[in-house]
C-alpha atoms as a PDB file:
ATOM      1  CA  MET A   1      20.447 -18.134   2.596  1.00  0.00           C
ATOM      2  CA  LYS A   2      20.869 -14.191   0.739  1.00  0.00           C
ATOM      3  CA  VAL A   3      18.333 -12.041  -0.767  1.00  0.00           C
ATOM      4  CA  ILE A   4      18.687  -9.278  -2.654  1.00  0.00           C
ATOM      5  CA  LEU A   5      15.842  -6.193  -2.663  1.00  0.00           C
ATOM      6  CA  HIS A   6      15.623  -4.297  -5.759  1.00  0.00           C
ATOM      7  CA  ASP A   7      13.486  -2.063  -7.288  1.00  0.00           C
ATOM      8  CA  SER A   8      14.070   1.228  -9.050  1.00  0.00           C
ATOM      9  CA  THR A   9      12.339   4.050  -7.967  1.00  0.00           C
ATOM     10  CA  CYS A  10      13.884   6.689  -5.558  1.00  0.00           C
ATOM     11  CA  ALA A  11      12.810   7.084  -3.054  1.00  0.00           C
ATOM     12  CA  PHE A  12      13.299  10.552  -2.332  1.00  0.00           C
ATOM     13  CA  LEU A  13      11.160  11.274  -5.836  1.00  0.00           C
ATOM     14  CA  THR A  14       8.207   9.386  -4.596  1.00  0.00           C
ATOM     15  CA  PRO A  15       8.071   9.038  -0.951  1.00  0.00           C
ATOM     16  CA  GLY A  16       5.743   6.336   0.640  1.00  0.00           C
ATOM     17  CA  GLY A  17       4.328   2.763   1.209  1.00  0.00           C
ATOM     18  CA  LYS A  18       6.561   0.959  -1.563  1.00  0.00           C
ATOM     19  CA  THR A  19      10.191   2.352   0.675  1.00  0.00           C
ATOM     20  CA  THR A  20       8.299   1.669   4.048  1.00  0.00           C
ATOM     21  CA  HIS A  21       7.538  -2.056   2.358  1.00  0.00           C
ATOM     22  CA  ALA A  22      11.082  -2.388   2.175  1.00  0.00           C
ATOM     23  CA  HIS A  23      12.584  -0.946   5.058  1.00  0.00           C
ATOM     24  CA  LYS A  24      10.491  -3.166   7.182  1.00  0.00           C
ATOM     25  CA  LEU A  25      11.048  -6.270   5.299  1.00  0.00           C
ATOM     26  CA  LEU A  26      14.792  -6.161   5.876  1.00  0.00           C
ATOM     27  CA  GLN A  27      14.283  -4.385   8.767  1.00  0.00           C
ATOM     28  CA  GLU A  28      12.230  -7.875  10.639  1.00  0.00           C
ATOM     29  CA  ILE A  29      13.176 -10.677   7.843  1.00  0.00           C
ATOM     30  CA  SER A  30      17.066 -10.412   9.329  1.00  0.00           C
ATOM     31  CA  LYS A  31      16.092 -11.067  12.574  1.00  0.00           C
ATOM     32  CA  LEU A  32      15.280 -13.983  11.589  1.00  0.00           C
ATOM     33  CA  GLY A  33      18.452 -14.935  10.754  1.00  0.00           C
ATOM     34  CA  VAL A  34      18.298 -14.234   6.270  1.00  0.00           C
ATOM     35  CA  ASP A  35      20.889 -12.355   5.128  1.00  0.00           C
ATOM     36  CA  ILE A  36      18.938  -9.932   3.176  1.00  0.00           C
ATOM     37  CA  GLN A  37      20.380  -6.089   2.031  1.00  0.00           C
ATOM     38  CA  PHE A  38      19.031  -3.272  -1.174  1.00  0.00           C
ATOM     39  CA  ALA A  39      20.259  -4.481  -3.656  1.00  0.00           C
ATOM     40  CA  ARG A  40      23.988  -2.433  -5.115  1.00  0.00           C
ATOM     41  CA  TRP A  41      24.297  -2.517  -8.476  1.00  0.00           C
ATOM     42  CA  TRP A  42      28.357  -2.326  -8.180  1.00  0.00           C
ATOM     43  CA  ASP A  43      28.877  -4.584  -5.820  1.00  0.00           C
ATOM     44  CA  GLU A  44      30.220  -7.491  -6.936  1.00  0.00           C
ATOM     45  CA  SER A  45      29.769  -9.017  -3.567  1.00  0.00           C
ATOM     46  CA  GLN A  46      26.211  -9.917  -3.681  1.00  0.00           C
ATOM     47  CA  SER A  47      27.315 -12.414  -6.931  1.00  0.00           C
ATOM     48  CA  ASP A  48      26.521 -15.219  -4.641  1.00  0.00           C
ATOM     49  CA  VAL A  49      22.872 -13.680  -3.938  1.00  0.00           C
ATOM     50  CA  ASP A  50      20.150 -17.106  -3.506  1.00  0.00           C
ATOM     51  CA  ILE A  51      17.270 -15.103  -4.331  1.00  0.00           C
ATOM     52  CA  ILE A  52      16.426 -11.673  -5.948  1.00  0.00           C
ATOM     53  CA  HIS A  53      13.128 -10.218  -4.181  1.00  0.00           C
ATOM     54  CA  PHE A  54      12.154  -7.703  -7.253  1.00  0.00           C
ATOM     55  CA  LEU A  55      10.067  -4.361  -6.089  1.00  0.00           C
ATOM     56  CA  ASP A  56       9.610  -3.514  -9.941  1.00  0.00           C
ATOM     57  CA  PRO A  57       9.484  -5.781 -12.555  1.00  0.00           C
ATOM     58  CA  ALA A  58      12.712  -5.495 -14.270  1.00  0.00           C
ATOM     59  CA  VAL A  59      12.444  -7.315 -17.260  1.00  0.00           C
ATOM     60  CA  ASN A  60      15.947  -7.623 -18.648  1.00  0.00           C
ATOM     61  CA  LEU A  61      17.404  -7.806 -14.751  1.00  0.00           C
ATOM     62  CA  ALA A  62      14.362 -10.921 -14.114  1.00  0.00           C
ATOM     63  CA  ARG A  63      15.199 -12.770 -17.275  1.00  0.00           C
ATOM     64  CA  GLN A  64      19.538 -12.382 -16.180  1.00  0.00           C
ATOM     65  CA  ALA A  65      19.216 -14.000 -12.637  1.00  0.00           C
ATOM     66  CA  LYS A  66      16.962 -16.876 -14.317  1.00  0.00           C
ATOM     67  CA  ALA A  67      19.579 -17.460 -16.858  1.00  0.00           C
ATOM     68  CA  ARG A  68      22.288 -17.724 -13.763  1.00  0.00           C
ATOM     69  CA  GLY A  69      20.276 -19.611 -11.885  1.00  0.00           C
ATOM     70  CA  ILE A  70      19.159 -16.670  -9.233  1.00  0.00           C
ATOM     71  CA  LYS A  71      15.990 -17.431  -7.741  1.00  0.00           C
ATOM     72  CA  THR A  72      12.745 -14.547  -8.040  1.00  0.00           C
ATOM     73  CA  PHE A  73      10.159 -13.265  -5.777  1.00  0.00           C
ATOM     74  CA  TYR A  74       7.879 -10.375  -7.507  1.00  0.00           C
ATOM     75  CA  SER A  75       5.471  -8.101  -4.911  1.00  0.00           C
ATOM     76  CA  MET A  76       3.779  -7.226  -7.879  1.00  0.00           C
ATOM     77  CA  ILE A  77       1.475  -3.814  -7.167  1.00  0.00           C
ATOM     78  CA  PHE A  78      -1.452  -4.201  -9.287  1.00  0.00           C
ATOM     79  CA  ASP A  79      -4.003  -1.640  -7.570  1.00  0.00           C
ATOM     80  CA  PHE A  80      -5.330   1.039 -10.504  1.00  0.00           C
ATOM     81  CA  ALA A  81      -5.935  -2.123 -12.718  1.00  0.00           C
ATOM     82  CA  SER A  82      -8.135  -3.401 -10.258  1.00  0.00           C
ATOM     83  CA  SER A  83     -10.300   0.006  -9.363  1.00  0.00           C
ATOM     84  CA  LEU A  84     -11.405   0.051 -12.632  1.00  0.00           C
ATOM     85  CA  SER A  85     -14.460  -0.422 -13.800  1.00  0.00           C
ATOM     86  CA  ASN A  86     -15.382  -3.735 -15.118  1.00  0.00           C
ATOM     87  CA  SER A  87     -15.833  -2.226 -18.574  1.00  0.00           C
ATOM     88  CA  LYS A  88     -12.448  -0.992 -18.608  1.00  0.00           C
ATOM     89  CA  LYS A  89     -10.733  -4.066 -17.600  1.00  0.00           C
ATOM     90  CA  TYR A  90     -11.869  -6.291 -19.487  1.00  0.00           C
ATOM     91  CA  ALA A  91     -11.533  -3.833 -22.384  1.00  0.00           C
ATOM     92  CA  GLN A  92      -7.034  -3.878 -20.507  1.00  0.00           C
ATOM     93  CA  SER A  93      -7.626  -7.303 -20.687  1.00  0.00           C
ATOM     94  CA  ILE A  94      -8.636  -8.508 -24.297  1.00  0.00           C
ATOM     95  CA  LYS A  95      -5.076  -5.545 -25.100  1.00  0.00           C
ATOM     96  CA  TYR A  96      -3.349  -7.550 -23.222  1.00  0.00           C
ATOM     97  CA  ARG A  97      -4.038 -11.202 -23.881  1.00  0.00           C
ATOM     98  CA  LEU A  98      -4.187  -9.597 -27.716  1.00  0.00           C
ATOM     99  CA  PHE A  99      -0.333  -8.885 -27.221  1.00  0.00           C
ATOM    100  CA  ALA A 100       0.613 -12.222 -26.153  1.00  0.00           C
ATOM    101  CA  LYS A 101      -0.643 -13.933 -29.036  1.00  0.00           C
ATOM    102  CA  LEU A 102       2.185 -11.912 -30.930  1.00  0.00           C
ATOM    103  CA  PRO A 103       5.475 -13.795 -31.944  1.00  0.00           C
ATOM    104  CA  LYS A 104       7.955 -13.035 -29.402  1.00  0.00           C
ATOM    105  CA  ARG A 105      10.881 -10.797 -30.687  1.00  0.00           C
ATOM    106  CA  ILE A 106       7.488  -8.449 -31.199  1.00  0.00           C
ATOM    107  CA  SER A 107       5.694  -8.230 -27.813  1.00  0.00           C
ATOM    108  CA  GLN A 108       9.191  -8.189 -25.522  1.00  0.00           C
ATOM    109  CA  CYS A 109       8.749  -4.919 -26.495  1.00  0.00           C
ATOM    110  CA  PHE A 110       5.857  -3.864 -25.581  1.00  0.00           C
ATOM    111  CA  GLY A 111       5.982  -3.941 -21.484  1.00  0.00           C
ATOM    112  CA  PHE A 112       6.328  -5.165 -18.043  1.00  0.00           C
ATOM    113  CA  TRP A 113       4.306  -8.706 -17.796  1.00  0.00           C
ATOM    114  CA  ASN A 114       7.129 -10.284 -19.786  1.00  0.00           C
ATOM    115  CA  ALA A 115       8.915 -10.516 -17.203  1.00  0.00           C
ATOM    116  CA  LEU A 116       5.869 -11.627 -15.129  1.00  0.00           C
ATOM    117  CA  PRO A 117       7.427 -15.880 -16.692  1.00  0.00           C
ATOM    118  CA  TYR A 118      11.022 -14.865 -15.143  1.00  0.00           C
ATOM    119  CA  PHE A 119       9.249 -15.047 -11.074  1.00  0.00           C
ATOM    120  CA  ASP A 120       9.541 -18.316  -9.115  1.00  0.00           C
ATOM    121  CA  ARG A 121       7.182 -16.239  -6.919  1.00  0.00           C
ATOM    122  CA  ILE A 122       4.455 -13.443  -7.187  1.00  0.00           C
ATOM    123  CA  GLN A 123       3.039 -11.952  -4.275  1.00  0.00           C
ATOM    124  CA  PHE A 124       0.450  -9.690  -4.145  1.00  0.00           C
ATOM    125  CA  MET A 125      -0.730  -7.733  -1.137  1.00  0.00           C
ATOM    126  CA  HIS A 126      -4.597  -8.723  -1.851  1.00  0.00           C
ATOM    127  CA  LYS A 127      -6.953 -11.584  -3.327  1.00  0.00           C
ATOM    128  CA  TYR A 128      -8.471  -8.704  -5.887  1.00  0.00           C
ATOM    129  CA  ASP A 129      -5.234  -7.001  -6.721  1.00  0.00           C
ATOM    130  CA  LYS A 130      -4.146 -11.463  -7.761  1.00  0.00           C
ATOM    131  CA  ILE A 131      -7.567 -12.095  -9.509  1.00  0.00           C
ATOM    132  CA  THR A 132      -7.229  -8.835 -11.658  1.00  0.00           C
ATOM    133  CA  ALA A 133      -3.987 -10.191 -12.525  1.00  0.00           C
ATOM    134  CA  LEU A 134      -4.069 -13.435 -13.641  1.00  0.00           C
ATOM    135  CA  LYS A 135      -7.385 -12.419 -15.879  1.00  0.00           C
ATOM    136  CA  TYR A 136      -4.674  -9.736 -17.260  1.00  0.00           C
ATOM    137  CA  PHE A 137      -2.164 -12.169 -17.965  1.00  0.00           C
ATOM    138  CA  PRO A 138      -2.828 -15.821 -17.545  1.00  0.00           C
ATOM    139  CA  SER A 139      -0.045 -16.825 -20.423  1.00  0.00           C
ATOM    140  CA  TYR A 140       2.078 -15.335 -18.326  1.00  0.00           C
ATOM    141  CA  ILE A 141       1.417 -15.627 -14.753  1.00  0.00           C
ATOM    142  CA  ASP A 142       1.421 -19.339 -13.677  1.00  0.00           C
ATOM    143  CA  GLN A 143      -0.984 -19.049 -10.908  1.00  0.00           C
ATOM    144  CA  SER A 144       0.602 -22.255  -8.748  1.00  0.00           C
ATOM    145  CA  LYS A 145       3.073 -19.122  -8.471  1.00  0.00           C
ATOM    146  CA  THR A 146       0.751 -17.101  -6.621  1.00  0.00           C
ATOM    147  CA  ILE A 147       1.114 -15.828  -2.981  1.00  0.00           C
ATOM    148  CA  ILE A 148      -0.855 -13.737  -1.272  1.00  0.00           C
ATOM    149  CA  ILE A 149       0.892 -11.894   1.189  1.00  0.00           C
ATOM    150  CA  PRO A 150      -0.444  -8.071   2.835  1.00  0.00           C
ATOM    151  CA  HIS A 151       0.872  -5.597   4.620  1.00  0.00           C
ATOM    152  CA  ALA A 152       1.149  -5.166   8.502  1.00  0.00           C
ATOM    153  CA  TYR A 153       2.146  -2.280  11.127  1.00  0.00           C
ATOM    154  CA  ASP A 154       5.443  -1.884  13.382  1.00  0.00           C
ATOM    155  CA  PRO A 155       3.704  -2.551  17.348  1.00  0.00           C
ATOM    156  CA  SER A 156       7.315  -0.865  18.189  1.00  0.00           C
ATOM    157  CA  GLU A 157       6.084   2.937  16.707  1.00  0.00           C
ATOM    158  CA  MET A 158       2.990   3.697  18.248  1.00  0.00           C
ATOM    159  CA  TYR A 159       2.169   4.412  21.451  1.00  0.00           C
ATOM    160  CA  ILE A 160       5.793   6.066  21.897  1.00  0.00           C
ATOM    161  CA  SER A 161       4.051  10.119  22.935  1.00  0.00           C
ATOM    162  CA  ASP A 162       3.103  10.027  26.084  1.00  0.00           C
ATOM    163  CA  GLU A 163       5.070  13.323  27.030  1.00  0.00           C
ATOM    164  CA  LEU A 164       3.146  14.669  24.368  1.00  0.00           C
ATOM    165  CA  ARG A 165      -0.577  16.206  24.804  1.00  0.00           C
ATOM    166  CA  ILE A 166      -2.784  16.336  22.048  1.00  0.00           C
ATOM    167  CA  GLY A 167      -4.516  19.502  23.909  1.00  0.00           C
ATOM    168  CA  GLU A 168      -1.185  21.399  22.130  1.00  0.00           C
ATOM    169  CA  LYS A 169      -2.781  21.005  18.771  1.00  0.00           C
ATOM    170  CA  GLY A 170      -5.734  22.873  18.931  1.00  0.00           C
ATOM    171  CA  TYR A 171      -7.901  19.911  17.870  1.00  0.00           C
ATOM    172  CA  PRO A 172     -11.834  19.556  18.578  1.00  0.00           C
ATOM    173  CA  GLY A 173     -12.818  17.139  20.929  1.00  0.00           C
ATOM    174  CA  LYS A 174     -13.743  14.245  18.490  1.00  0.00           C
ATOM    175  CA  TYR A 175     -11.976  14.032  15.244  1.00  0.00           C
ATOM    176  CA  LEU A 176     -11.160  11.881  12.259  1.00  0.00           C
ATOM    177  CA  VAL A 177      -7.530  11.404  11.281  1.00  0.00           C
ATOM    178  CA  SER A 178      -6.473  10.748   7.398  1.00  0.00           C
ATOM    179  CA  CYS A 179      -3.109   9.539   7.326  1.00  0.00           C
ATOM    180  CA  ALA A 180      -1.623   9.859   3.395  1.00  0.00           C
ATOM    181  CA  ASN A 181       0.735  11.761   1.227  1.00  0.00           C
ATOM    182  CA  ILE A 182      -0.982  14.923  -0.144  1.00  0.00           C
ATOM    183  CA  SER A 183      -2.016  13.710  -4.062  1.00  0.00           C
ATOM    184  CA  GLU A 184      -4.640  12.984  -6.621  1.00  0.00           C
ATOM    185  CA  ARG A 185      -4.359   9.038  -6.311  1.00  0.00           C
ATOM    186  CA  LYS A 186      -4.996   9.916  -2.369  1.00  0.00           C
ATOM    187  CA  GLN A 187      -8.070  12.192  -3.305  1.00  0.00           C
ATOM    188  CA  SER A 188      -6.965  14.315  -0.378  1.00  0.00           C
ATOM    189  CA  VAL A 189      -8.914  17.441  -1.699  1.00  0.00           C
ATOM    190  CA  LEU A 190     -11.955  15.749  -2.346  1.00  0.00           C
ATOM    191  CA  LEU A 191     -11.962  14.137   0.898  1.00  0.00           C
ATOM    192  CA  ALA A 192     -11.277  17.773   2.860  1.00  0.00           C
ATOM    193  CA  ARG A 193     -13.886  19.435   0.750  1.00  0.00           C
ATOM    194  CA  TYR A 194     -16.869  16.692   1.660  1.00  0.00           C
ATOM    195  CA  ALA A 195     -15.136  17.048   5.259  1.00  0.00           C
ATOM    196  CA  LYS A 196     -16.594  21.099   4.935  1.00  0.00           C
ATOM    197  CA  LEU A 197     -20.269  20.101   3.906  1.00  0.00           C
ATOM    198  CA  ALA A 198     -20.701  17.319   6.085  1.00  0.00           C
ATOM    199  CA  LYS A 199     -18.546  19.572   9.014  1.00  0.00           C
ATOM    200  CA  VAL A 200     -16.944  16.677  10.238  1.00  0.00           C
ATOM    201  CA  PRO A 201     -12.995  17.380  11.220  1.00  0.00           C
ATOM    202  CA  ILE A 202     -10.637  15.333   9.490  1.00  0.00           C
ATOM    203  CA  VAL A 203      -6.781  15.927  10.434  1.00  0.00           C
ATOM    204  CA  PHE A 204      -4.611  14.783   7.893  1.00  0.00           C
ATOM    205  CA  MET A 205      -1.318  13.882   8.184  1.00  0.00           C
ATOM    206  CA  GLY A 206       1.220  12.753   5.098  1.00  0.00           C
ATOM    207  CA  SER A 207       4.528  14.374   2.860  1.00  0.00           C
ATOM    208  CA  ARG A 208       3.294  17.048   0.204  1.00  0.00           C
ATOM    209  CA  ASN A 209       5.658  18.299  -2.570  1.00  0.00           C
ATOM    210  CA  ILE A 210       4.987  21.803  -2.353  1.00  0.00           C
ATOM    211  CA  ASN A 211       5.920  22.500  -5.721  1.00  0.00           C
ATOM    212  CA  ASP A 212       3.114  20.504  -7.260  1.00  0.00           C
ATOM    213  CA  PRO A 213      -0.085  22.305  -7.621  1.00  0.00           C
ATOM    214  CA  TYR A 214      -2.743  19.624  -6.205  1.00  0.00           C
ATOM    215  CA  PHE A 215      -1.144  20.154  -2.897  1.00  0.00           C
ATOM    216  CA  HIS A 216      -1.279  23.968  -2.884  1.00  0.00           C
ATOM    217  CA  ARG A 217      -5.281  23.283  -3.843  1.00  0.00           C
ATOM    218  CA  PHE A 218      -5.342  21.017  -0.981  1.00  0.00           C
ATOM    219  CA  GLU A 219      -3.548  23.943   1.178  1.00  0.00           C
ATOM    220  CA  ALA A 220      -6.261  26.117   0.111  1.00  0.00           C
ATOM    221  CA  GLU A 221      -8.892  24.000   1.620  1.00  0.00           C
ATOM    222  CA  VAL A 222      -7.070  24.293   5.235  1.00  0.00           C
ATOM    223  CA  ASP A 223      -9.566  25.852   7.339  1.00  0.00           C
ATOM    224  CA  ASN A 224      -8.438  24.927  11.014  1.00  0.00           C
ATOM    225  CA  LYS A 225     -12.187  24.216  11.794  1.00  0.00           C
ATOM    226  CA  TYR A 226     -12.554  20.781   9.903  1.00  0.00           C
ATOM    227  CA  VAL A 227     -10.023  20.924   7.832  1.00  0.00           C
ATOM    228  CA  PHE A 228      -6.287  20.888   9.293  1.00  0.00           C
ATOM    229  CA  TYR A 229      -2.502  19.881   8.193  1.00  0.00           C
ATOM    230  CA  PRO A 230       0.019  19.534  10.498  1.00  0.00           C
ATOM    231  CA  GLY A 231       2.548  18.283   7.790  1.00  0.00           C
ATOM    232  CA  TYR A 232       4.714  15.563   7.308  1.00  0.00           C
ATOM    233  CA  VAL A 233       5.224  15.336  11.418  1.00  0.00           C
ATOM    234  CA  SER A 234       7.382  13.210  13.406  1.00  0.00           C
ATOM    235  CA  ARG A 235       6.763   9.451  14.664  1.00  0.00           C
ATOM    236  CA  GLU A 236       5.891  10.739  18.442  1.00  0.00           C
ATOM    237  CA  TRP A 237       3.352  13.501  16.762  1.00  0.00           C
ATOM    238  CA  ARG A 238       1.531  10.967  14.651  1.00  0.00           C
ATOM    239  CA  ASP A 239       1.452   8.224  17.226  1.00  0.00           C
ATOM    240  CA  CYS A 240      -0.755  11.125  19.516  1.00  0.00           C
ATOM    241  CA  ILE A 241      -2.772  12.858  17.361  1.00  0.00           C
ATOM    242  CA  GLU A 242      -4.032   8.967  15.811  1.00  0.00           C
ATOM    243  CA  ARG A 243      -3.964   7.132  19.181  1.00  0.00           C
ATOM    244  CA  ASN A 244      -6.451   9.848  20.440  1.00  0.00           C
ATOM    245  CA  ALA A 245      -8.628  10.028  16.741  1.00  0.00           C
ATOM    246  CA  SER A 246     -12.034   7.894  17.135  1.00  0.00           C
ATOM    247  CA  GLY A 247     -11.458   7.108  13.114  1.00  0.00           C
ATOM    248  CA  TYR A 248      -9.588   7.110   9.759  1.00  0.00           C
ATOM    249  CA  VAL A 249     -11.312   7.832   6.897  1.00  0.00           C
ATOM    250  CA  LEU A 250      -9.256   7.244   3.364  1.00  0.00           C
ATOM    251  CA  LEU A 251     -10.995   7.897  -0.072  1.00  0.00           C
ATOM    252  CA  SER A 252      -7.978   6.496  -2.748  1.00  0.00           C
ATOM    253  CA  LEU A 253      -8.769   5.624  -6.306  1.00  0.00           C
ATOM    254  CA  SER A 254      -6.082   2.932  -6.442  1.00  0.00           C
ATOM    255  CA  GLU A 255      -4.042   1.166  -2.768  1.00  0.00           C
ATOM    256  CA  SER A 256      -2.417  -2.195  -2.847  1.00  0.00           C
ATOM    257  CA  GLY A 257      -3.089  -2.770   0.943  1.00  0.00           C
ATOM    258  CA  CYS A 258      -2.013   0.473   1.739  1.00  0.00           C
ATOM    259  CA  ILE A 259       0.203   0.611   5.233  1.00  0.00           C
ATOM    260  CA  ALA A 260      -0.861   3.419   6.839  1.00  0.00           C
ATOM    261  CA  VAL A 261      -4.557   1.661   7.087  1.00  0.00           C
ATOM    262  CA  TYR A 262      -2.435  -1.409   8.937  1.00  0.00           C
ATOM    263  CA  GLU A 263      -1.640   1.005  11.159  1.00  0.00           C
ATOM    264  CA  ALA A 264      -5.311   2.745  11.768  1.00  0.00           C
ATOM    265  CA  ALA A 265      -6.865  -0.443  12.459  1.00  0.00           C
ATOM    266  CA  ALA A 266      -2.999  -1.272  14.877  1.00  0.00           C
ATOM    267  CA  TYR A 267      -4.995   1.595  17.080  1.00  0.00           C
ATOM    268  CA  LYS A 268      -8.133  -0.381  17.061  1.00  0.00           C
ATOM    269  CA  ILE A 269     -10.073   2.852  15.952  1.00  0.00           C
ATOM    270  CA  PRO A 270     -13.611   2.266  12.790  1.00  0.00           C
ATOM    271  CA  LEU A 271     -12.490   2.827   8.996  1.00  0.00           C
ATOM    272  CA  LEU A 272     -14.167   4.368   6.287  1.00  0.00           C
ATOM    273  CA  LEU A 273     -12.965   3.761   3.095  1.00  0.00           C
ATOM    274  CA  SER A 274     -13.289   3.970  -0.508  1.00  0.00           C
ATOM    275  CA  ASN A 275     -15.889   1.434  -2.504  1.00  0.00           C
ATOM    276  CA  LEU A 276     -13.506   0.293  -4.522  1.00  0.00           C
ATOM    277  CA  PRO A 277     -11.726  -3.528  -4.575  1.00  0.00           C
ATOM    278  CA  TRP A 278      -8.542  -1.899  -3.008  1.00  0.00           C
ATOM    279  CA  ALA A 279     -10.377  -1.596  -0.178  1.00  0.00           C
ATOM    280  CA  TRP A 280     -12.002  -4.138   0.115  1.00  0.00           C
ATOM    281  CA  GLY A 281      -9.794  -7.101   0.327  1.00  0.00           C
ATOM    282  CA  TYR A 282      -8.712  -6.685   4.563  1.00  0.00           C
ATOM    283  CA  ASP A 283      -9.444 -10.391   6.085  1.00  0.00           C
ATOM    284  CA  ALA A 284     -12.094 -10.634   8.467  1.00  0.00           C
ATOM    285  CA  ALA A 285     -13.649  -6.732   8.494  1.00  0.00           C
ATOM    286  CA  THR A 286     -15.868  -5.932  10.921  1.00  0.00           C
ATOM    287  CA  ASP A 287     -15.345  -2.163  11.239  1.00  0.00           C
ATOM    288  CA  ILE A 288     -15.429  -1.260   7.657  1.00  0.00           C
ATOM    289  CA  SER A 289     -17.027   1.732   6.043  1.00  0.00           C
ATOM    290  CA  PHE A 290     -17.201   1.806   1.997  1.00  0.00           C
ATOM    291  CA  CYS A 291     -17.531   5.443   0.981  1.00  0.00           C
ATOM    292  CA  ASP A 292     -19.098   6.343  -2.748  1.00  0.00           C
ATOM    293  CA  PHE A 293     -16.600   9.196  -3.112  1.00  0.00           C
ATOM    294  CA  LYS A 294     -18.158  10.095  -6.842  1.00  0.00           C
ATOM    295  CA  PHE A 295     -21.711  10.384  -5.638  1.00  0.00           C
ATOM    296  CA  ARG A 296     -21.485  13.924  -3.276  1.00  0.00           C
ATOM    297  CA  ASP A 297     -24.417  14.105  -1.555  1.00  0.00           C
ATOM    298  CA  ARG A 298     -24.223  10.217  -0.526  1.00  0.00           C
ATOM    299  CA  ALA A 299     -20.594  10.836   0.182  1.00  0.00           C
ATOM    300  CA  VAL A 300     -20.698  13.995   2.410  1.00  0.00           C
ATOM    301  CA  GLU A 301     -23.923  11.793   4.007  1.00  0.00           C
ATOM    302  CA  GLN A 302     -22.019   8.524   5.048  1.00  0.00           C
ATOM    303  CA  LEU A 303     -18.718  10.916   6.118  1.00  0.00           C
ATOM    304  CA  SER A 304     -21.317  12.289   8.553  1.00  0.00           C
ATOM    305  CA  ILE A 305     -22.916   8.950   9.593  1.00  0.00           C
ATOM    306  CA  PHE A 306     -19.436   7.850  10.386  1.00  0.00           C
ATOM    307  CA  TYR A 307     -18.024  10.567  12.028  1.00  0.00           C
ATOM    308  CA  THR A 308     -21.313  10.294  14.149  1.00  0.00           C
ATOM    309  CA  ASN A 309     -20.231   6.379  14.938  1.00  0.00           C
ATOM    310  CA  ALA A 310     -16.821   7.161  15.159  1.00  0.00           C
ATOM    311  CA  ALA A 311     -15.352   5.587  18.902  1.00  0.00           C
ATOM    312  CA  LYS A 312     -12.421   3.993  19.869  1.00  0.00           C
ATOM    313  CA  LEU A 313     -12.775   0.104  19.803  1.00  0.00           C
ATOM    314  CA  ASP A 314     -12.006  -2.876  22.289  1.00  0.00           C
ATOM    315  CA  HIS A 315     -10.737  -5.088  19.128  1.00  0.00           C
ATOM    316  CA  MET A 316      -8.747  -4.238  15.701  1.00  0.00           C
ATOM    317  CA  PRO A 317     -11.523  -3.709  12.828  1.00  0.00           C
ATOM    318  CA  PHE A 318      -9.572  -6.344  10.677  1.00  0.00           C
ATOM    319  CA  ASN A 319      -7.010  -8.785  11.265  1.00  0.00           C
ATOM    320  CA  ALA A 320      -4.034  -6.496  10.785  1.00  0.00           C
ATOM    321  CA  LEU A 321      -0.733  -8.428  11.519  1.00  0.00           C
ATOM    322  CA  THR A 322       2.804  -7.215  12.235  1.00  0.00           C
ATOM    323  CA  TRP A 323       5.510  -6.863  10.130  1.00  0.00           C
ATOM    324  CA  ALA A 324       6.978  -9.292  12.016  1.00  0.00           C
ATOM    325  CA  ASP A 325       4.640 -11.559  11.384  1.00  0.00           C
ATOM    326  CA  VAL A 326       4.913 -11.484   8.029  1.00  0.00           C
ATOM    327  CA  ALA A 327       8.090 -11.524   7.465  1.00  0.00           C
ATOM    328  CA  LYS A 328       8.174 -15.249   8.857  1.00  0.00           C
ATOM    329  CA  ILE A 329       5.249 -15.755   5.780  1.00  0.00           C
ATOM    330  CA  TYR A 330       7.585 -14.257   3.495  1.00  0.00           C
ATOM    331  CA  VAL A 331      10.823 -16.349   4.421  1.00  0.00           C
ATOM    332  CA  GLU A 332       8.367 -19.758   4.312  1.00  0.00           C
ATOM    333  CA  GLU A 333       7.713 -18.335   0.730  1.00  0.00           C
ATOM    334  CA  TYR A 334      12.092 -17.582  -0.024  1.00  0.00           C
ATOM    335  CA  LYS A 335      12.487 -21.753   1.594  1.00  0.00           C
ATOM    336  CA  LYS A 336       9.735 -22.814  -0.844  1.00  0.00           C
ATOM    337  CA  ILE A 337      11.125 -21.816  -4.635  1.00  0.00           C
ATOM    338  CA  LEU A 338      14.666 -22.412  -3.070  1.00  0.00           C
ATOM    339  CA  ALA A 339      13.707 -26.253  -2.087  1.00  0.00           C
ATOM    340  CA  ASP A 340      11.865 -26.150  -5.472  1.00  0.00           C
ATOM    341  CA  GLY A 341      15.365 -26.721  -7.233  1.00  0.00           C
END
């Protein structure tokens, strides 16, 4: 079996979960005896591919693949849509249904959803993305061709910092951690301000764009009392900081699973997440709290209570799988679509 991973995103422009997802798939699926490669548009030796695994909905490529008899698999990230209010979701669904009624030669000019019928399997990271997509695109997605496969964590990147000492960082004895790109979507500035109001120390870790005005706004909030930012740290220091944290917090506006949340769960610490659909879909959750971030006073109180109660657990806050676990699920799905003929 030969699988090609395709995406049009440049990792150096948009670092984050999608890049990690692609690398972990390549790393773990290859261990299962599958010839899996990143797409190389210039390399004709990849022409014997059995399956193209799309990480973005490239309409023309999907159409060409189907015309050549190549099977197609699409990892669909639908996080922003899933986290809209019910009224906005309804309006969007009406819009897409109207597009579907247009003549095909016209509707094909409008958007990514025209690629959906060309995929043999469409994967979602959690059920809320799937539910929303099926409401939006009932004429484009065959529910029998959908599957939910979550993100995961890599145990080989954990507990690798025995030689480091957290005391060198000068953090309080008890602190929370937030691992995420410093960006508007992650609401880093809002969380930093709530941390100060609640008098809760939070260590932020994640990449940033130094030319982004939003990052400068976040940087202005760093006081090294309640808001700490060591920047994008090494794997060893990230491990050291996160394994010594009492809890994890993320007030993101949208996610399709969020790999950092799975990694935090693997450290067996409680989670405080946005009270939005993206945060409701974790399997068998026991220690996830939700923050109503739109309401300042309520959110500050929730953050304060979470911090007071936060402590290491003797179990994961939800059922988080490893990348090796989910790789087996992907390969089983690859085999099924090949067997469909």
